[in-house]
């Protein structure tokens, strides 16, 4: 089981991945909306422009240019501000640098020879994207991208070893003393998200057995520290709080027994491909319960698409969104409807493999966990996100699988 993490490297996951196209902080919110709709994990990485495009930059220089990750929830919360609702045209022309929350630690640059176990450790500590070089060539391998060959560290063409480019607490124990090449071509990088990692793990279920068939409850994968908003409270509270990871608020109502039942959610997943302007109006003007029920307008508007720059093709239009414009400036005849914002849920007895497949099939960042005999009376007990799954598959003691050793035991043994 542990060999999946110890003998695979991040380079194994880059096959077929497109080269990185940096999204500049000088782009507009309108451009960001289009980019987010085509992104993974409902967000895009934002970069500062290179001060000297002709100069070759090293990994440290590139890392310093990374600003943060802009999500669908960030954009909707920004558009829901009073000044943005008063002047929509000006709001969507705002520079992304004025909207994105700077957090340089959300992305790390790593060598393609970085072991998967070390990549998982980074993501468990908060890293959400890995930037991987695609121009490093390995030699002497029997298996593509394999960093270990007959128990020895492989070296690339210039004699350096596969190691971590990021400054992490475990980089020295998982790399050779020879440094990774410091200078890389500008376009020879690809970006790996946590969704890519989970997709890879789902393809390795046989090697991970019997863990994937274990319940999320027995694996300790249920996170009880989730963010929530009562259905009667203003939906705008989502603008004032930071939900953490996963980036989602459960919208709940209390039952006569004193429990909490989930009605829906305000999250990056639900807002990913919605009509951003309509969602912003609803976020600013409705209660949380009304927000997740949805607002439907008899007059469908294409305002946002018409204002946006038409120079690039769009795959998603506002007519296919979860919200249609419903503010006073978009017409009359609004009526509420139910069902479009039903949250993605599972049971405490659901297997880890089932939850992983559920998340990937719905392109969701999380699944809410409920328990109860009747679906109408299900009580919300927690949430399972990317980080919770990564923690579950790497921390399990060897006692769970008789006759095997834990990942940490094998890893420590290799270093000695």
Protein backbone atom coordinates (compact mmCIF):
# COMPACT_ATOMS: atom_id res chain seq x y z
CA UNK A 1 0.00 0.00 0.00
CA UNK A 2 2.70 2.49 0.99
CA UNK A 3 4.70 1.83 -2.18
CA UNK A 4 2.17 3.88 -4.18
CA UNK A 5 3.34 7.00 -2.35
CA UNK A 6 7.01 6.13 -1.97
CA UNK A 7 7.84 4.96 -5.48
CA UNK A 8 5.66 7.30 -7.50
CA UNK A 9 6.77 10.86 -8.19
CA UNK A 10 4.85 13.97 -9.18
CA UNK A 11 6.21 13.60 -12.70
CA UNK A 12 3.92 10.59 -13.07
CA UNK A 13 0.95 12.92 -12.80
CA UNK A 14 2.12 15.48 -15.36
CA UNK A 15 1.68 13.28 -18.43
CA UNK A 16 -0.80 15.02 -20.72
CA UNK A 17 -1.06 18.13 -18.52
CA UNK A 18 -1.02 21.39 -20.50
CA UNK A 19 1.71 23.94 -19.99
CA UNK A 20 1.04 26.69 -17.50
CA UNK A 21 -0.60 29.86 -18.78
CA UNK A 22 -0.06 32.50 -16.14
CA UNK A 23 -3.05 34.67 -15.28
CA UNK A 24 -1.80 38.17 -14.53
CA UNK A 25 -2.98 40.30 -11.64
CA UNK A 26 -3.40 43.13 -14.15
CA UNK A 27 -6.26 41.30 -15.88
CA UNK A 28 -9.85 42.35 -15.15
CA UNK A 29 -12.50 40.63 -13.07
CA UNK A 30 -14.43 39.91 -16.28
CA UNK A 31 -11.44 37.97 -17.65
CA UNK A 32 -11.06 36.18 -14.33
CA UNK A 33 -14.67 34.97 -14.46
CA UNK A 34 -14.07 33.29 -17.81
CA UNK A 35 -10.81 31.74 -16.59
CA UNK A 36 -12.37 30.43 -13.36
CA UNK A 37 -15.17 28.71 -15.27
CA UNK A 38 -12.55 26.69 -17.15
CA UNK A 39 -10.32 26.02 -14.13
CA UNK A 40 -9.98 23.15 -11.67
CA UNK A 41 -10.99 23.49 -8.02
CA UNK A 42 -13.07 26.53 -8.98
CA UNK A 43 -10.15 28.94 -8.86
CA UNK A 44 -7.15 30.29 -10.75
CA UNK A 45 -3.60 31.03 -9.69
CA UNK A 46 -2.71 34.71 -10.06
CA UNK A 47 0.76 35.98 -10.95
CA UNK A 48 2.67 39.23 -11.07
CA UNK A 49 4.01 40.10 -14.50
CA UNK A 50 7.69 39.52 -15.15
CA UNK A 51 9.58 42.80 -14.88
CA UNK A 52 12.04 41.64 -17.54
CA UNK A 53 10.46 39.06 -19.88
CA UNK A 54 13.78 38.46 -21.64
CA UNK A 55 15.57 37.38 -18.46
CA UNK A 56 15.65 33.73 -17.43
CA UNK A 57 14.25 33.38 -13.93
CA UNK A 58 14.99 30.74 -11.32
CA UNK A 59 12.46 28.95 -9.16
CA UNK A 60 12.76 31.40 -6.28
CA UNK A 61 12.06 34.35 -8.58
CA UNK A 62 9.06 32.58 -10.04
CA UNK A 63 7.75 31.66 -6.58
CA UNK A 64 7.94 35.30 -5.52
CA UNK A 65 5.80 36.30 -8.50
CA UNK A 66 2.95 34.06 -7.39
CA UNK A 67 0.27 36.16 -5.68
CA UNK A 68 -2.51 33.79 -4.63
CA UNK A 69 -5.57 31.86 -5.80
CA UNK A 70 -8.73 33.66 -6.89
CA UNK A 71 -11.93 31.61 -6.45
CA UNK A 72 -15.51 31.95 -7.58
CA UNK A 73 -16.54 32.85 -4.01
CA UNK A 74 -13.97 35.66 -3.95
CA UNK A 75 -15.37 37.14 -7.15
CA UNK A 76 -19.04 36.88 -6.12
CA UNK A 77 -18.28 38.39 -2.70
CA UNK A 78 -16.49 41.28 -4.41
CA UNK A 79 -19.34 41.91 -6.84
CA UNK A 80 -21.80 41.85 -3.93
CA UNK A 81 -20.27 44.96 -2.38
CA UNK A 82 -22.63 47.98 -2.46
CA UNK A 83 -20.33 50.04 -4.68
CA UNK A 84 -20.06 47.15 -7.17
CA UNK A 85 -23.82 46.61 -7.31
CA UNK A 86 -24.27 50.33 -7.97
CA UNK A 87 -21.87 50.30 -10.93
CA UNK A 88 -21.64 46.86 -12.52
CA UNK A 89 -19.67 47.99 -15.56
CA UNK A 90 -16.95 49.51 -13.43
CA UNK A 91 -16.87 46.54 -11.05
CA UNK A 92 -16.07 43.89 -13.67
CA UNK A 93 -13.32 46.09 -15.09
CA UNK A 94 -11.59 46.13 -11.70
CA UNK A 95 -8.08 44.68 -11.74
CA UNK A 96 -7.67 41.23 -10.22
CA UNK A 97 -4.91 42.59 -7.97
CA UNK A 98 -7.62 44.50 -6.07
CA UNK A 99 -9.70 41.36 -5.51
CA UNK A 100 -7.38 38.38 -4.95
CA UNK A 101 -6.32 37.61 -1.38
CA UNK A 102 -2.49 37.41 -1.39
CA UNK A 103 -1.21 34.07 -0.10
CA UNK A 104 2.11 32.99 -1.56
CA UNK A 105 2.08 29.72 0.41
CA UNK A 106 -0.77 28.18 -1.61
CA UNK A 107 1.58 27.17 -4.43
CA UNK A 108 4.99 25.48 -4.37
CA UNK A 109 7.43 24.79 -7.19
CA UNK A 110 8.68 21.19 -7.13
CA UNK A 111 10.96 19.04 -9.22
CA UNK A 112 9.24 16.26 -11.24
CA UNK A 113 11.31 13.76 -9.24
CA UNK A 114 9.67 14.78 -5.97
CA UNK A 115 8.12 11.71 -4.38
CA UNK A 116 4.35 11.61 -4.15
CA UNK A 117 4.48 11.15 -0.38
CA UNK A 118 6.31 14.48 -0.04
CA UNK A 119 3.83 16.19 -2.36
CA UNK A 120 0.99 14.87 -0.19
CA UNK A 121 2.69 16.24 2.92
CA UNK A 122 2.88 19.68 1.31
CA UNK A 123 -0.80 19.61 0.46
CA UNK A 124 -1.72 18.42 3.95
CA UNK A 125 0.08 21.51 5.25
CA UNK A 126 -1.96 23.88 3.10
CA UNK A 127 -0.40 23.90 -0.38
CA UNK A 128 -3.14 23.74 -3.04
CA UNK A 129 -1.14 23.81 -6.28
CA UNK A 130 2.18 22.29 -7.32
CA UNK A 131 4.11 23.85 -10.16
CA UNK A 132 6.16 21.14 -11.86
CA UNK A 133 8.93 21.54 -14.41
CA UNK A 134 8.37 19.57 -17.61
CA UNK A 135 11.87 19.91 -19.10
CA UNK A 136 13.87 17.76 -16.65
CA UNK A 137 15.03 14.52 -18.30
CA UNK A 138 15.77 11.40 -16.25
CA UNK A 139 18.08 8.62 -17.43
CA UNK A 140 18.76 5.04 -16.35
CA UNK A 141 15.14 4.32 -15.51
CA UNK A 142 13.16 1.17 -16.15
CA UNK A 143 9.88 2.97 -15.53
CA UNK A 144 9.00 6.43 -16.75
CA UNK A 145 9.56 9.22 -14.19
CA UNK A 146 10.57 6.72 -11.48
CA UNK A 147 13.00 8.35 -9.07
CA UNK A 148 14.15 5.06 -7.52
CA UNK A 149 15.89 2.38 -9.57
CA UNK A 150 17.07 -0.76 -7.77
CA UNK A 151 17.07 1.17 -4.50
CA UNK A 152 19.31 4.01 -5.76
CA UNK A 153 18.51 7.64 -6.42
CA UNK A 154 18.42 8.43 -10.14
CA UNK A 155 20.22 11.44 -11.55
CA UNK A 156 19.10 13.60 -14.41
CA UNK A 157 21.16 14.60 -17.41
CA UNK A 158 23.17 17.29 -15.63
CA UNK A 159 23.94 15.10 -12.63
CA UNK A 160 21.52 16.60 -10.13
CA UNK A 161 19.12 14.53 -8.09
CA UNK A 162 15.35 14.70 -7.82
CA UNK A 163 14.53 16.94 -4.90
CA UNK A 164 12.08 19.48 -3.61
CA UNK A 165 12.40 22.97 -4.95
CA UNK A 166 10.13 24.30 -2.24
CA UNK A 167 11.54 25.24 1.13
CA UNK A 168 9.77 22.75 3.35
CA UNK A 169 10.67 21.16 6.64
CA UNK A 170 11.06 17.76 5.02
CA UNK A 171 12.94 18.73 1.84
CA UNK A 172 16.36 17.81 3.20
CA UNK A 173 15.30 14.29 4.11
CA UNK A 174 13.74 13.54 0.76
CA UNK A 175 16.36 14.84 -1.64
CA UNK A 176 20.00 14.48 -2.64
CA UNK A 177 22.66 17.00 -1.84
CA UNK A 178 23.08 18.04 -5.47
CA UNK A 179 20.79 20.95 -6.33
CA UNK A 180 18.03 20.94 -8.88
CA UNK A 181 18.77 23.06 -11.99
CA UNK A 182 17.96 26.61 -10.93
CA UNK A 183 16.93 27.99 -14.30
CA UNK A 184 13.98 26.75 -16.28
CA UNK A 185 12.36 27.81 -19.54
CA UNK A 186 9.35 30.04 -18.99
CA UNK A 187 6.79 27.78 -20.67
CA UNK A 188 7.95 24.37 -19.46
CA UNK A 189 5.83 24.14 -16.33
CA UNK A 190 2.48 22.58 -15.61
CA UNK A 191 0.25 22.96 -12.58
CA UNK A 192 -1.06 20.07 -10.46
CA UNK A 193 -4.06 20.59 -8.21
CA UNK A 194 -5.37 18.48 -5.36
CA UNK A 195 -8.05 17.23 -7.72
CA UNK A 196 -5.27 15.77 -9.91
CA UNK A 197 -3.84 13.97 -6.88
CA UNK A 198 -7.22 12.50 -5.88
CA UNK A 199 -7.85 11.41 -9.47
CA UNK A 200 -4.50 9.60 -9.49
CA UNK A 201 -5.25 7.90 -6.18
CA UNK A 202 -8.63 6.77 -7.45
CA UNK A 203 -6.79 4.97 -10.23
CA UNK A 204 -4.65 3.14 -7.66
CA UNK A 205 -7.44 1.61 -5.58
CA UNK A 206 -6.05 -1.88 -5.95
CA UNK A 207 -2.66 -0.87 -4.56
CA UNK A 208 -4.34 0.98 -1.69
CA UNK A 209 -6.60 -1.91 -0.67
CA UNK A 210 -8.24 -2.47 1.74
CA UNK A 211 -8.23 1.19 2.80
CA UNK A 212 -10.53 2.52 -0.01
CA UNK A 213 -13.34 0.21 1.12
CA UNK A 214 -13.13 1.42 4.72
CA UNK A 215 -15.75 3.92 5.89
CA UNK A 216 -14.81 7.57 6.17
CA UNK A 217 -15.85 7.40 9.81
CA UNK A 218 -13.42 4.58 10.65
CA UNK A 219 -10.62 6.41 8.82
CA UNK A 220 -11.19 9.63 10.74
CA UNK A 221 -11.75 11.53 7.49
CA UNK A 222 -14.80 13.49 8.68
CA UNK A 223 -13.97 17.11 9.45
CA UNK A 224 -16.28 18.54 12.09
CA UNK A 225 -14.77 22.03 11.97
CA UNK A 226 -16.88 23.25 9.08
CA UNK A 227 -18.31 26.73 8.50
CA UNK A 228 -22.06 27.27 8.61
CA UNK A 229 -24.74 29.94 8.40
CA UNK A 230 -28.29 29.65 9.74
CA UNK A 231 -30.88 29.77 6.96
CA UNK A 232 -32.59 32.77 8.55
CA UNK A 233 -29.40 34.84 8.60
CA UNK A 234 -28.38 37.15 5.73
CA UNK A 235 -26.46 35.38 3.00
CA UNK A 236 -24.06 38.32 3.06
CA UNK A 237 -22.46 36.81 6.17
CA UNK A 238 -20.50 34.67 3.72
CA UNK A 239 -18.74 37.87 2.63
CA UNK A 240 -17.63 38.65 6.15
CA UNK A 241 -16.28 35.25 7.17
CA UNK A 242 -13.45 33.15 5.84
CA UNK A 243 -14.62 29.55 5.47
CA UNK A 244 -11.13 28.03 5.43
CA UNK A 245 -10.70 24.70 3.67
CA UNK A 246 -12.96 23.58 2.08
CA UNK A 247 -14.16 26.98 0.94
CA UNK A 248 -17.82 26.40 1.73
CA UNK A 249 -20.60 27.39 4.13
CA UNK A 250 -23.31 24.91 5.08
CA UNK A 251 -26.74 26.59 5.17
CA UNK A 252 -28.60 24.92 8.01
CA UNK A 253 -31.95 24.92 9.76
CA UNK A 254 -32.64 23.59 13.24
CA UNK A 255 -34.93 20.62 13.83
CA UNK A 256 -37.39 20.34 16.77
CA UNK A 257 -34.94 17.85 18.31
CA UNK A 258 -32.19 20.47 18.38
CA UNK A 259 -30.18 19.01 15.50
CA UNK A 260 -29.08 20.79 12.34
CA UNK A 261 -30.19 19.84 8.85
CA UNK A 262 -28.36 21.09 5.77
CA UNK A 263 -30.48 22.88 3.18
CA UNK A 264 -27.73 23.86 0.80
CA UNK A 265 -24.40 25.60 0.64
CA UNK A 266 -22.60 28.76 -0.42
CA UNK A 267 -19.33 27.49 -1.82
CA UNK A 268 -16.77 27.75 -4.60
CA UNK A 269 -18.25 24.58 -6.12
CA UNK A 270 -21.81 25.90 -6.35
CA UNK A 271 -20.71 29.32 -7.60
CA UNK A 272 -18.15 27.92 -10.04
CA UNK A 273 -20.14 28.27 -13.27
CA UNK A 274 -23.10 30.33 -12.11
CA UNK A 275 -24.18 33.78 -13.29
CA UNK A 276 -21.75 35.73 -11.12
CA UNK A 277 -23.59 39.03 -11.21
CA UNK A 278 -26.95 37.49 -10.32
CA UNK A 279 -25.33 35.49 -7.51
CA UNK A 280 -23.74 38.69 -6.20
CA UNK A 281 -27.13 40.45 -6.06
CA UNK A 282 -28.67 37.46 -4.27
CA UNK A 283 -25.76 37.29 -1.82
CA UNK A 284 -26.22 40.94 -0.90
CA UNK A 285 -30.01 41.00 -0.68
CA UNK A 286 -31.35 37.59 0.36
CA UNK A 287 -31.28 35.42 3.43
CA UNK A 288 -29.06 32.36 3.34
CA UNK A 289 -32.10 30.11 2.98
CA UNK A 290 -33.46 32.13 0.07
CA UNK A 291 -30.03 32.15 -1.56
CA UNK A 292 -29.72 28.37 -1.70
CA UNK A 293 -33.30 27.98 -2.92
CA UNK A 294 -32.41 30.20 -5.83
CA UNK A 295 -34.09 33.09 -7.56
CA UNK A 296 -35.57 32.79 -11.03
CA UNK A 297 -36.31 35.71 -13.31
CA UNK A 298 -38.82 35.52 -16.15
CA UNK A 299 -36.57 37.78 -18.19
CA UNK A 300 -33.22 36.11 -18.88
CA UNK A 301 -30.32 38.57 -19.09
CA UNK A 302 -27.03 38.30 -20.94
CA UNK A 303 -25.71 41.50 -19.41
CA UNK A 304 -22.51 40.08 -17.99
CA UNK A 305 -21.54 38.30 -21.20
CA UNK A 306 -22.26 41.40 -23.29
CA UNK A 307 -20.10 43.62 -21.09
CA UNK A 308 -17.20 41.16 -20.97
CA UNK A 309 -14.51 41.22 -23.63
CA UNK A 310 -15.70 39.16 -26.58
CA UNK A 311 -12.24 38.55 -27.98
CA UNK A 312 -11.98 35.10 -26.35
CA UNK A 313 -14.40 32.20 -26.83
CA UNK A 314 -16.69 31.31 -23.94
CA UNK A 315 -17.72 27.76 -23.18
CA UNK A 316 -20.29 28.66 -20.53
CA UNK A 317 -23.03 31.24 -20.76
CA UNK A 318 -25.20 32.77 -18.08
CA UNK A 319 -28.24 31.01 -19.52
CA UNK A 320 -26.88 27.72 -18.19
CA UNK A 321 -26.13 29.01 -14.73
CA UNK A 322 -27.66 28.22 -11.39
CA UNK A 323 -28.81 31.83 -11.03
CA UNK A 324 -30.50 34.16 -13.48
CA UNK A 325 -30.22 37.91 -12.87
CA UNK A 326 -32.83 38.84 -10.29
CA UNK A 327 -31.98 42.29 -9.04
CA UNK A 328 -34.27 45.28 -9.46
CA UNK A 329 -32.33 46.37 -12.56
CA UNK A 330 -32.87 43.07 -14.35
CA UNK A 331 -36.64 42.94 -14.64
CA UNK A 332 -39.60 41.77 -12.60
CA UNK A 333 -41.65 38.65 -12.09
CA UNK A 334 -39.24 36.77 -9.82
CA UNK A 335 -40.31 33.46 -8.29
CA UNK A 336 -38.52 31.13 -5.94
CA UNK A 337 -37.72 27.55 -6.84
CA UNK A 338 -36.13 24.60 -5.10
CA UNK A 339 -33.70 21.90 -6.03
CA UNK A 340 -30.98 23.61 -8.02
CA UNK A 341 -28.70 24.07 -5.05
CA UNK A 342 -29.05 20.65 -3.40
CA UNK A 343 -25.81 19.94 -1.53
CA UNK A 344 -23.64 16.93 -2.28
CA UNK A 345 -23.90 14.55 0.68
CA UNK A 346 -22.78 11.14 1.84
CA UNK A 347 -23.20 8.98 4.96
CA UNK A 348 -20.78 8.33 7.78
CA UNK A 349 -20.72 4.72 6.58
CA UNK A 350 -19.78 5.66 3.00
CA UNK A 351 -16.48 4.20 1.84
CA UNK A 352 -13.50 6.40 1.09
CA UNK A 353 -13.50 5.24 -2.54
CA UNK A 354 -17.17 6.15 -2.95
CA UNK A 355 -16.62 9.65 -1.59
CA UNK A 356 -13.58 10.19 -3.81
CA UNK A 357 -15.54 9.09 -6.87
CA UNK A 358 -18.46 11.29 -5.83
CA UNK A 359 -16.25 14.37 -5.56
CA UNK A 360 -14.56 13.79 -8.90
CA UNK A 361 -17.74 12.99 -10.82
CA UNK A 362 -19.34 16.22 -9.61
CA UNK A 363 -16.09 18.23 -9.82
CA UNK A 364 -16.69 19.21 -6.20
CA UNK A 365 -14.14 20.26 -3.59
CA UNK A 366 -15.99 18.54 -0.74
CA UNK A 367 -18.89 16.33 0.32
CA UNK A 368 -21.10 17.02 3.34
CA UNK A 369 -21.55 14.10 5.75
CA UNK A 370 -24.94 13.29 7.27
CA UNK A 371 -26.42 10.54 9.37
CA UNK A 372 -29.98 9.43 9.92
CA UNK A 373 -32.47 6.82 8.74
CA UNK A 374 -34.65 9.19 6.76
CA UNK A 375 -33.13 11.52 4.16
CA UNK A 376 -35.50 14.28 5.28
CA UNK A 377 -34.23 13.99 8.82
CA UNK A 378 -30.53 13.67 8.05
CA UNK A 379 -28.35 15.46 10.58
CA UNK A 380 -25.21 17.23 9.39
CA UNK A 381 -22.16 15.84 11.19
CA UNK A 382 -19.23 17.13 9.14
CA UNK A 383 -17.57 17.50 5.76
CA UNK A 384 -14.92 15.65 3.78
CA UNK A 385 -12.57 17.74 1.63
CA UNK A 386 -9.38 17.19 -0.31
CA UNK A 387 -7.13 17.67 2.71
CA UNK A 388 -9.17 15.22 4.79
CA UNK A 389 -8.80 12.51 2.13
CA UNK A 390 -5.05 13.07 1.78
CA UNK A 391 -4.65 12.88 5.55
CA UNK A 392 -6.69 9.68 5.74
CA UNK A 393 -4.69 7.80 3.10
CA UNK A 394 -1.29 8.75 4.54
CA UNK A 395 -1.68 8.55 8.31
CA UNK A 396 -3.12 5.06 8.70
CA UNK A 397 -1.13 2.84 11.09
CA UNK A 398 0.13 -0.54 9.93
CA UNK A 399 -2.28 -2.26 12.31
CA UNK A 400 -5.10 -1.50 9.89
CA UNK A 401 -3.53 -3.73 7.28
CA UNK A 402 -2.08 -6.90 8.81
CA UNK A 403 1.31 -7.89 7.48
CA UNK A 404 2.18 -4.43 6.16
CA UNK A 405 4.08 -1.43 7.40
CA UNK A 406 2.86 2.13 7.49
CA UNK A 407 3.97 4.78 5.02
CA UNK A 408 5.89 6.65 7.68
CA UNK A 409 7.70 3.46 8.75
CA UNK A 410 8.82 2.69 5.19
CA UNK A 411 9.78 6.26 4.56
CA UNK A 412 11.92 6.41 7.69
CA UNK A 413 13.52 3.09 6.81
CA UNK A 414 14.50 4.35 3.35
CA UNK A 415 16.20 7.45 4.74
CA UNK A 416 18.32 5.33 7.09
